[in-house]
Structures are given as structure tokens and as C-alpha cells.
Amino acid sequence: MASKTGFIRKTSPYVRGEANVKRMMLDVLIALAPVTIFTIYKYEWTAVWIIAVAIISMVGTELVYYKLKKEPFTLKNGSALISALIYALILPDITPLWIVFLGGVFGMYFGKLVFGGLGANIFNVAGFARVFIVISFGAYLVYDLDTVAGATALGIVKEAPFNMMVLDNYPLWKLFTGVGEAGSIGELSGLLILIGGIYLFIRRSLDWRIPVSYIGTVLVLATVGALVTGADMSYPLFTILSGGILFGAIFMATDPITSPVTGPGRIYYGFGLGVITYFIRVFGALPEGVVFAILIMNMFVPALDYYKWANSKFTKRSVIVFSVVALLTIGLLIVGV
């Protein structure tokens, strides 16, 4: 049923044209294939076991849940499989398998099934599982910062966010290709992540507004931070290429179930993701902030989609308000750094 605001009010996900959930999930699986293959090449059996345990835990939890409820299992639509694969790819290679399993079970049940299953969950399932294990078992996921070869670039630079001496060990080309970098197993190669994103865009399984506004916001804030502190201008690119910003922006933030419906809503959503991610990195206790930003902004999606003020196009008033908020955010950053 169409509302006065011009968009359809129904259960997510919202897919245009002849597309359906199964086709969209297949597109995501194909887009993730280059990253997954590279991950297995780089981490070998470690990656294979993490991916396998993640799939078994998440898909198995959904299977048992629907069997007990005597309802049709939704494996055919591919949503559980995609959530499991993304969950595996955002885990560090040092994650013990028993933690992978517990996180998968917890994330699938409390992040999706308790809300009513596909289309009813408000949180990104993979992100929910990742945050659960960070909070519960964070000590098992920390690299040894005394050994540069085993530490993440973000972990090293956390103590001095604008000091680009880290590029002596992690040049931008390594961050872009994923060669020689430690971190979450599927977030290393910016090149392969972008290839997957381009494929999804061509297939119309991805709306450009969220990743562009997300990445663009981080890039602007990082540039302002570099100018204010006198940091090397490689810092903005380092910020984008290190950690999980590219992966999160393309494969997690664009989840059609937990992201806004309207174009302006998606711009606001991406902007909020960028601000929270960057502020966590610079001012927070954690080196990375992508999954936390995604879960926080997931909670604001119902407000962004609320039919009384959600519009399918920008209005003069919304542009003014958004511009003021953006300027205030930049001002807060300048004062903070």
C-alpha cells in the first residue's frame, strides 16, 4: 500500500522491478566471491575453518529454530548463508573457532530470529554477532602490538591517530591490495571489495547513496583532521583503506532490511555511519568503529523512515538542516582534535 510520502509501506527488504530476495542474495554471494577466494588464498585453512564454522553456526541455528517451530526453513533465499559469510569475513584470523561458533549462534538468534526472521530484524545480523564477541571475548581478538608484522595498521596508529609513520610498514598500496596486512580476514583488499561493489551496483542490488555518503563523510572528516593537525595528506586515504570501512560500507551498511527506504534517508544514514565511525576511531577506546556505527544507526532507521517526515526527495528545509548538522559536526571535530 502506497503512503502519502510516495513509497511503499511493507515488510523489508525493498527490491525494485523484477528482482527478488533470492536473486539479490545470489548477487551478494557472487560479489563476495573475489574477497572470499583471496581470503582463503591468504589465510589458507584458517580462513576455511572460520568460514565453515560461521556457516554451520548461523545456518544451523536458523534450521533448528524453524524445525522446532514447525515452520518452513528459509535456507533457499540465501539470507542466512550471506549473513554467515559476512560474519566470517569480518573476524580476525586469530579468532578461536569456539568463539566463532558462539557468536554465530548468538547473532542469528538474538539479532534476527527473536524479531521474527527475515525482514523483521532491526540489526545487521553479522554486525550483531561481531559486536557480541568483541564485548564478550575481546581479549582473544587482539593482535600483539609489540610485533609489527602481527599487528593491524589501525591498532598501531591508535595511540597517535594522525601520525603516518605507520605507512613505513603499511604503505597505501598494501592497504589497497591486501598484501601483507593483518586484520579481519575479509576486509584486507580494498580493490576486491570495490570490484564486488561495482558488480552489485551494475546488478542494481546496491544503492550508491549509502556507501558514497558513508565513505565520503569519513574522507571529509579525515581531511579536516589532517589539515587541523598538520598531518600528512595521506592520512585520509589511510583512514578509508585501513580497517573495515570499505567492506562495511558496501556489504553491511547497504543491507536492504536494516537500512532506510528513501534516497534522502540513505544519505543521512551514510552520513551518521561516517561520523560515528570516525569519531570512534579518533576519540574512542577502540581502533575500529564500523560495526558499532552500523548497529547504532540501525536503531535510527525506523525514525528515518517514519512516514510523517520521510520524503523521497530532498526539500529546501531538509538541505538546510542537513548542512547545519554537517557544519556543526566539522566544528566539533576541529575543537576535539
Protein backbone atom coordinates (compact mmCIF):
# COMPACT_ATOMS: atom_id res chain seq x y z
CA MET A 1 0.00 0.00 0.00
CA ALA A 2 1.43 3.35 -1.02
CA SER A 3 1.56 6.12 1.56
CA LYS A 4 1.26 9.87 1.04
CA THR A 5 5.03 10.18 1.08
CA GLY A 6 5.35 8.24 -2.17
CA PHE A 7 6.94 4.97 -1.06
CA ILE A 8 5.50 1.57 -0.34
CA ARG A 9 4.92 0.63 3.27
CA LYS A 10 5.57 -3.09 3.54
CA THR A 11 7.94 -5.52 5.14
CA SER A 12 11.57 -5.14 4.04
CA PRO A 13 13.66 -5.90 2.08
CA TYR A 14 12.65 -3.45 -0.63
CA VAL A 15 13.78 -4.54 -4.10
CA ARG A 16 12.81 -2.72 -7.27
CA GLY A 17 11.49 -4.20 -10.50
CA GLU A 18 11.53 -7.92 -11.17
CA ALA A 19 14.22 -8.57 -8.59
CA ASN A 20 13.58 -10.77 -5.59
CA VAL A 21 15.33 -11.68 -2.38
CA LYS A 22 16.87 -14.86 -3.79
CA ARG A 23 18.36 -13.05 -6.79
CA MET A 24 19.68 -10.26 -4.60
CA MET A 25 21.33 -12.69 -2.18
CA LEU A 26 22.89 -14.54 -5.12
CA ASP A 27 24.33 -11.25 -6.36
CA VAL A 28 25.84 -10.56 -2.94
CA LEU A 29 27.33 -14.07 -2.88
CA ILE A 30 28.91 -13.50 -6.31
CA ALA A 31 30.21 -10.08 -5.22
CA LEU A 32 31.78 -11.64 -2.13
CA ALA A 33 33.46 -14.40 -4.16
CA PRO A 34 36.68 -12.47 -5.03
CA VAL A 35 37.15 -11.39 -1.41
CA THR A 36 36.47 -14.90 -0.15
CA ILE A 37 38.87 -16.52 -2.61
CA PHE A 38 41.60 -14.03 -1.72
CA THR A 39 40.96 -14.65 1.97
CA ILE A 40 41.35 -18.40 1.58
CA TYR A 41 44.48 -17.88 -0.52
CA LYS A 42 45.98 -15.64 2.15
CA TYR A 43 44.94 -17.45 5.33
CA GLU A 44 44.52 -20.97 3.88
CA TRP A 45 42.90 -23.46 6.27
CA THR A 46 42.47 -20.86 9.00
CA ALA A 47 40.03 -18.97 6.77
CA VAL A 48 38.33 -22.16 5.60
CA TRP A 49 37.60 -23.26 9.16
CA ILE A 50 36.39 -19.83 10.27
CA ILE A 51 34.03 -19.61 7.29
CA ALA A 52 32.81 -23.18 7.77
CA VAL A 53 32.12 -22.76 11.50
CA ALA A 54 30.36 -19.43 10.90
CA ILE A 55 28.08 -21.02 8.30
CA ILE A 56 27.37 -24.07 10.44
CA SER A 57 26.54 -21.96 13.50
CA MET A 58 24.28 -19.42 11.78
CA VAL A 59 22.54 -21.62 9.23
CA GLY A 60 22.25 -24.42 11.78
CA THR A 61 20.67 -22.10 14.35
CA GLU A 62 18.07 -20.93 11.85
CA LEU A 63 17.37 -24.51 10.75
CA VAL A 64 16.84 -25.73 14.33
CA TYR A 65 14.69 -22.68 15.14
CA TYR A 66 12.27 -23.26 12.26
CA LYS A 67 12.23 -27.01 12.79
CA LEU A 68 11.17 -26.52 16.41
CA LYS A 69 8.51 -24.04 15.36
CA LYS A 70 7.43 -26.41 12.57
CA GLU A 71 7.65 -23.61 10.04
CA PRO A 72 9.29 -23.59 6.57
CA PHE A 73 13.04 -23.11 6.69
CA THR A 74 14.32 -20.09 4.72
CA LEU A 75 17.67 -21.51 3.54
CA LYS A 76 16.61 -21.22 -0.10
CA ASN A 77 16.53 -17.42 -0.03
CA GLY A 78 20.20 -17.37 0.97
CA SER A 79 19.89 -14.76 3.73
CA ALA A 80 21.33 -16.96 6.50
CA LEU A 81 24.22 -18.05 4.28
CA ILE A 82 25.11 -14.46 3.34
CA SER A 83 24.94 -13.31 6.98
CA ALA A 84 27.23 -16.18 7.98
CA LEU A 85 29.76 -15.46 5.23
CA ILE A 86 29.89 -11.73 6.04
CA TYR A 87 30.22 -12.57 9.74
CA ALA A 88 33.18 -14.83 8.99
CA LEU A 89 34.89 -12.24 6.79
CA ILE A 90 34.80 -9.54 9.49
CA LEU A 91 36.57 -11.76 12.03
CA PRO A 92 40.33 -11.67 12.70
CA ASP A 93 42.29 -14.75 11.69
CA ILE A 94 43.24 -15.27 15.35
CA THR A 95 39.62 -15.83 16.43
CA PRO A 96 39.23 -19.22 18.20
CA LEU A 97 36.68 -21.45 16.47
CA TRP A 98 34.61 -21.90 19.62
CA ILE A 99 34.15 -18.12 19.75
CA VAL A 100 33.20 -18.09 16.06
CA PHE A 101 30.54 -20.69 16.82
CA LEU A 102 29.12 -18.94 19.89
CA GLY A 103 29.00 -15.61 18.07
CA GLY A 104 27.19 -17.16 15.13
CA VAL A 105 24.53 -18.78 17.29
CA PHE A 106 24.02 -15.65 19.40
CA GLY A 107 23.96 -13.31 16.40
CA MET A 108 21.49 -15.35 14.40
CA TYR A 109 19.10 -15.96 17.28
CA PHE A 110 19.16 -12.63 19.09
CA GLY A 111 19.91 -10.50 16.03
CA LYS A 112 17.33 -11.99 13.67
CA LEU A 113 15.12 -14.85 14.82
CA VAL A 114 13.74 -13.28 18.01
CA PHE A 115 12.49 -10.37 15.90
CA GLY A 116 10.54 -12.72 13.64
CA GLY A 117 13.07 -13.73 10.99
CA LEU A 118 13.92 -12.26 7.59
CA GLY A 119 12.53 -8.77 7.10
CA ALA A 120 11.68 -8.21 10.77
CA ASN A 121 15.16 -7.79 12.29
CA ILE A 122 16.34 -4.26 13.03
CA PHE A 123 20.06 -5.07 13.38
CA ASN A 124 22.54 -6.30 10.81
CA VAL A 125 22.97 -9.94 11.83
CA ALA A 126 26.69 -10.25 11.05
CA GLY A 127 27.47 -6.97 12.80
CA PHE A 128 25.41 -8.00 15.81
CA ALA A 129 27.37 -11.25 16.13
CA ARG A 130 30.70 -9.43 15.72
CA VAL A 131 29.92 -6.89 18.44
CA PHE A 132 28.80 -9.68 20.77
CA ILE A 133 32.16 -11.45 20.58
CA VAL A 134 34.11 -8.17 20.83
CA ILE A 135 32.29 -7.29 24.04
CA SER A 136 32.35 -10.81 25.46
CA PHE A 137 35.69 -12.17 24.25
CA GLY A 138 37.66 -9.10 23.17
CA ALA A 139 40.90 -10.29 24.79
CA TYR A 140 41.05 -13.21 22.32
CA LEU A 141 40.85 -10.89 19.28
CA VAL A 142 43.76 -8.54 19.99
CA TYR A 143 46.95 -8.73 17.94
CA ASP A 144 50.31 -8.33 19.63
CA LEU A 145 51.19 -4.69 19.07
CA ASP A 146 54.81 -5.34 20.04
CA THR A 147 55.21 -7.27 16.82
CA VAL A 148 54.55 -5.02 13.85
CA ALA A 149 54.16 -7.95 11.47
CA GLY A 150 51.30 -9.32 13.55
CA ALA A 151 49.57 -6.08 14.44
CA THR A 152 46.87 -4.25 12.49
CA ALA A 153 47.58 -0.85 11.00
CA LEU A 154 44.71 0.66 13.00
CA GLY A 155 46.00 -0.89 16.20
CA ILE A 156 49.43 0.65 15.74
CA VAL A 157 48.18 4.11 14.81
CA LYS A 158 45.56 4.27 17.58
CA GLU A 159 47.96 5.81 20.09
CA ALA A 160 48.71 8.69 17.68
CA PRO A 161 45.85 8.86 15.15
CA PHE A 162 47.44 11.49 12.90
CA ASN A 163 50.98 10.08 12.85
CA MET A 164 51.55 8.50 9.45
CA MET A 165 54.84 6.78 10.32
CA VAL A 166 52.75 3.60 10.23
CA LEU A 167 52.93 3.83 6.43
CA ASP A 168 56.57 2.75 6.65
CA ASN A 169 55.21 -0.73 7.40
CA TYR A 170 51.79 -0.42 5.77
CA PRO A 171 52.10 1.61 2.55
CA LEU A 172 48.83 2.58 0.86
CA TRP A 173 49.31 0.10 -1.97
CA LYS A 174 49.41 -2.75 0.55
CA LEU A 175 46.27 -1.47 2.24
CA PHE A 176 44.55 -1.26 -1.15
CA THR A 177 45.56 -4.70 -2.36
CA GLY A 178 45.54 -6.50 0.99
CA VAL A 179 49.07 -7.85 0.56
CA GLY A 180 50.88 -8.28 3.84
CA GLU A 181 48.28 -6.73 6.15
CA ALA A 182 46.88 -8.24 9.34
CA GLY A 183 43.27 -7.78 10.41
CA SER A 184 39.81 -9.19 9.78
CA ILE A 185 40.18 -11.84 7.11
CA GLY A 186 37.82 -10.39 4.50
CA GLU A 187 38.49 -6.67 4.95
CA LEU A 188 42.06 -6.56 3.67
CA SER A 189 41.77 -5.93 -0.07
CA GLY A 190 40.08 -2.64 -0.88
CA LEU A 191 40.47 -3.46 -4.59
CA LEU A 192 38.46 -6.69 -4.41
CA ILE A 193 35.84 -5.11 -2.16
CA LEU A 194 35.34 -2.30 -4.69
CA ILE A 195 35.07 -4.83 -7.53
CA GLY A 196 32.29 -6.56 -5.62
CA GLY A 197 30.57 -3.23 -5.00
CA ILE A 198 30.71 -2.29 -8.69
CA TYR A 199 29.16 -5.65 -9.60
CA LEU A 200 26.30 -5.09 -7.12
CA PHE A 201 25.74 -1.59 -8.48
CA ILE A 202 25.58 -2.85 -12.07
CA ARG A 203 23.13 -5.53 -10.99
CA ARG A 204 21.07 -2.89 -9.14
CA SER A 205 21.44 -4.86 -5.91
CA LEU A 206 23.18 -1.89 -4.26
CA ASP A 207 22.12 1.74 -3.91
CA TRP A 208 25.12 4.06 -4.27
CA ARG A 209 23.83 6.59 -1.73
CA ILE A 210 24.81 4.72 1.43
CA PRO A 211 28.40 3.70 0.54
CA VAL A 212 29.17 7.03 -1.15
CA SER A 213 27.81 9.14 1.72
CA TYR A 214 29.48 6.86 4.29
CA ILE A 215 32.92 6.83 2.68
CA GLY A 216 32.62 10.47 1.62
CA THR A 217 31.81 11.59 5.17
CA VAL A 218 34.83 9.76 6.59
CA LEU A 219 37.03 11.18 3.84
CA VAL A 220 35.90 14.77 4.54
CA LEU A 221 36.31 14.41 8.31
CA ALA A 222 39.74 12.79 7.93
CA THR A 223 40.83 15.58 5.57
CA VAL A 224 39.69 18.21 8.09
CA GLY A 225 41.55 16.34 10.84
CA ALA A 226 44.71 16.23 8.75
CA LEU A 227 44.54 19.96 7.95
CA VAL A 228 43.94 20.96 11.56
CA THR A 229 46.72 18.78 12.99
CA GLY A 230 49.20 19.25 10.16
CA ALA A 231 49.20 15.52 9.40
CA ASP A 232 50.42 14.15 6.09
CA MET A 233 47.67 14.27 3.45
CA SER A 234 48.00 10.52 3.01
CA TYR A 235 46.03 10.29 6.26
CA PRO A 236 42.52 10.50 4.67
CA LEU A 237 43.32 7.65 2.25
CA PHE A 238 44.85 5.64 5.08
CA THR A 239 41.64 6.09 7.06
CA ILE A 240 39.49 4.81 4.21
CA LEU A 241 41.72 1.87 3.26
CA SER A 242 42.51 0.62 6.78
CA GLY A 243 40.04 -1.41 8.80
CA GLY A 244 36.57 -2.30 7.64
CA ILE A 245 35.15 0.94 6.22
CA LEU A 246 35.03 -0.22 2.59
CA PHE A 247 33.71 -3.67 3.46
CA GLY A 248 31.15 -2.28 5.90
CA ALA A 249 30.00 0.45 3.52
CA ILE A 250 29.42 -1.94 0.61
CA PHE A 251 28.38 -5.27 2.14
CA MET A 252 26.88 -4.39 5.55
CA ALA A 253 25.51 -0.86 5.62
CA THR A 254 23.59 -1.49 2.39
CA ASP A 255 21.63 -4.39 3.89
CA PRO A 256 18.11 -3.70 2.48
CA ILE A 257 16.45 -4.99 5.65
CA THR A 258 18.22 -2.71 8.13
CA SER A 259 18.79 0.43 6.02
CA PRO A 260 16.39 3.28 5.15
CA VAL A 261 13.96 3.22 2.24
CA THR A 262 14.14 6.76 0.84
CA GLY A 263 17.04 8.35 -1.00
CA PRO A 264 17.49 11.22 1.49
CA GLY A 265 17.16 8.76 4.38
CA ARG A 266 20.03 6.73 2.96
CA ILE A 267 22.20 9.85 2.66
CA TYR A 268 21.50 10.72 6.31
CA TYR A 269 22.17 7.11 7.26
CA GLY A 270 25.54 7.05 5.48
CA PHE A 271 26.46 10.41 7.00
CA GLY A 272 25.67 9.12 10.50
CA LEU A 273 27.73 5.99 9.86
CA GLY A 274 30.71 8.07 8.76
CA VAL A 275 30.56 10.43 11.73
CA ILE A 276 30.23 7.65 14.32
CA THR A 277 32.94 5.51 12.72
CA TYR A 278 35.44 8.36 12.52
CA PHE A 279 34.72 9.70 15.99
CA ILE A 280 35.15 6.23 17.50
CA ARG A 281 38.50 5.88 15.73
CA VAL A 282 39.80 9.27 16.84
CA PHE A 283 38.20 9.76 20.26
CA GLY A 284 37.05 6.30 21.33
CA ALA A 285 38.85 3.47 23.08
CA LEU A 286 38.58 1.12 20.08
CA PRO A 287 40.75 1.31 16.94
CA GLU A 288 37.80 0.34 14.73
CA GLY A 289 34.22 1.59 14.79
CA VAL A 290 32.45 0.23 11.70
CA VAL A 291 30.25 -2.50 13.19
CA PHE A 292 29.36 -0.34 16.20
CA ALA A 293 28.38 2.51 13.88
CA ILE A 294 26.22 0.19 11.78
CA LEU A 295 24.34 -1.19 14.80
CA ILE A 296 23.85 2.29 16.28
CA MET A 297 22.48 3.65 13.00
CA ASN A 298 20.28 0.55 12.58
CA MET A 299 18.34 1.79 15.60
CA PHE A 300 17.62 5.12 13.89
CA VAL A 301 16.30 3.60 10.64
CA PRO A 302 12.65 3.49 11.84
CA ALA A 303 12.90 7.21 12.63
CA LEU A 304 14.44 7.98 9.23
CA ASP A 305 11.65 6.00 7.56
CA TYR A 306 8.80 7.43 9.66
CA TYR A 307 6.13 8.35 7.11
CA LYS A 308 5.18 11.69 8.70
CA TRP A 309 8.52 13.27 7.80
CA ALA A 310 10.26 10.87 5.42
CA ASN A 311 10.41 12.18 1.84
CA SER A 312 11.53 10.52 -1.35
CA LYS A 313 13.33 13.73 -2.39
CA PHE A 314 15.34 16.42 -0.63
CA THR A 315 13.43 19.55 0.32
CA LYS A 316 14.86 23.04 0.87
CA ARG A 317 14.34 22.69 4.60
CA SER A 318 16.00 19.25 4.79
CA VAL A 319 19.05 20.53 2.86
CA ILE A 320 19.43 23.48 5.26
CA VAL A 321 19.09 21.28 8.36
CA PHE A 322 21.49 18.69 6.98
CA SER A 323 24.05 21.37 6.07
CA VAL A 324 23.88 22.87 9.56
CA VAL A 325 24.37 19.45 11.17
CA ALA A 326 27.35 18.73 8.88
CA LEU A 327 28.97 22.07 9.73
CA LEU A 328 28.41 21.54 13.45
CA THR A 329 30.00 18.09 13.15
CA ILE A 330 33.08 19.54 11.46
CA GLY A 331 33.27 22.25 14.11
CA LEU A 332 33.08 19.65 16.88
CA LEU A 333 35.87 17.67 15.21
CA ILE A 334 38.10 20.75 14.96
CA VAL A 335 37.61 21.52 18.65
CA GLY A 336 38.18 17.90 19.60
CA VAL A 337 41.45 17.35 17.75
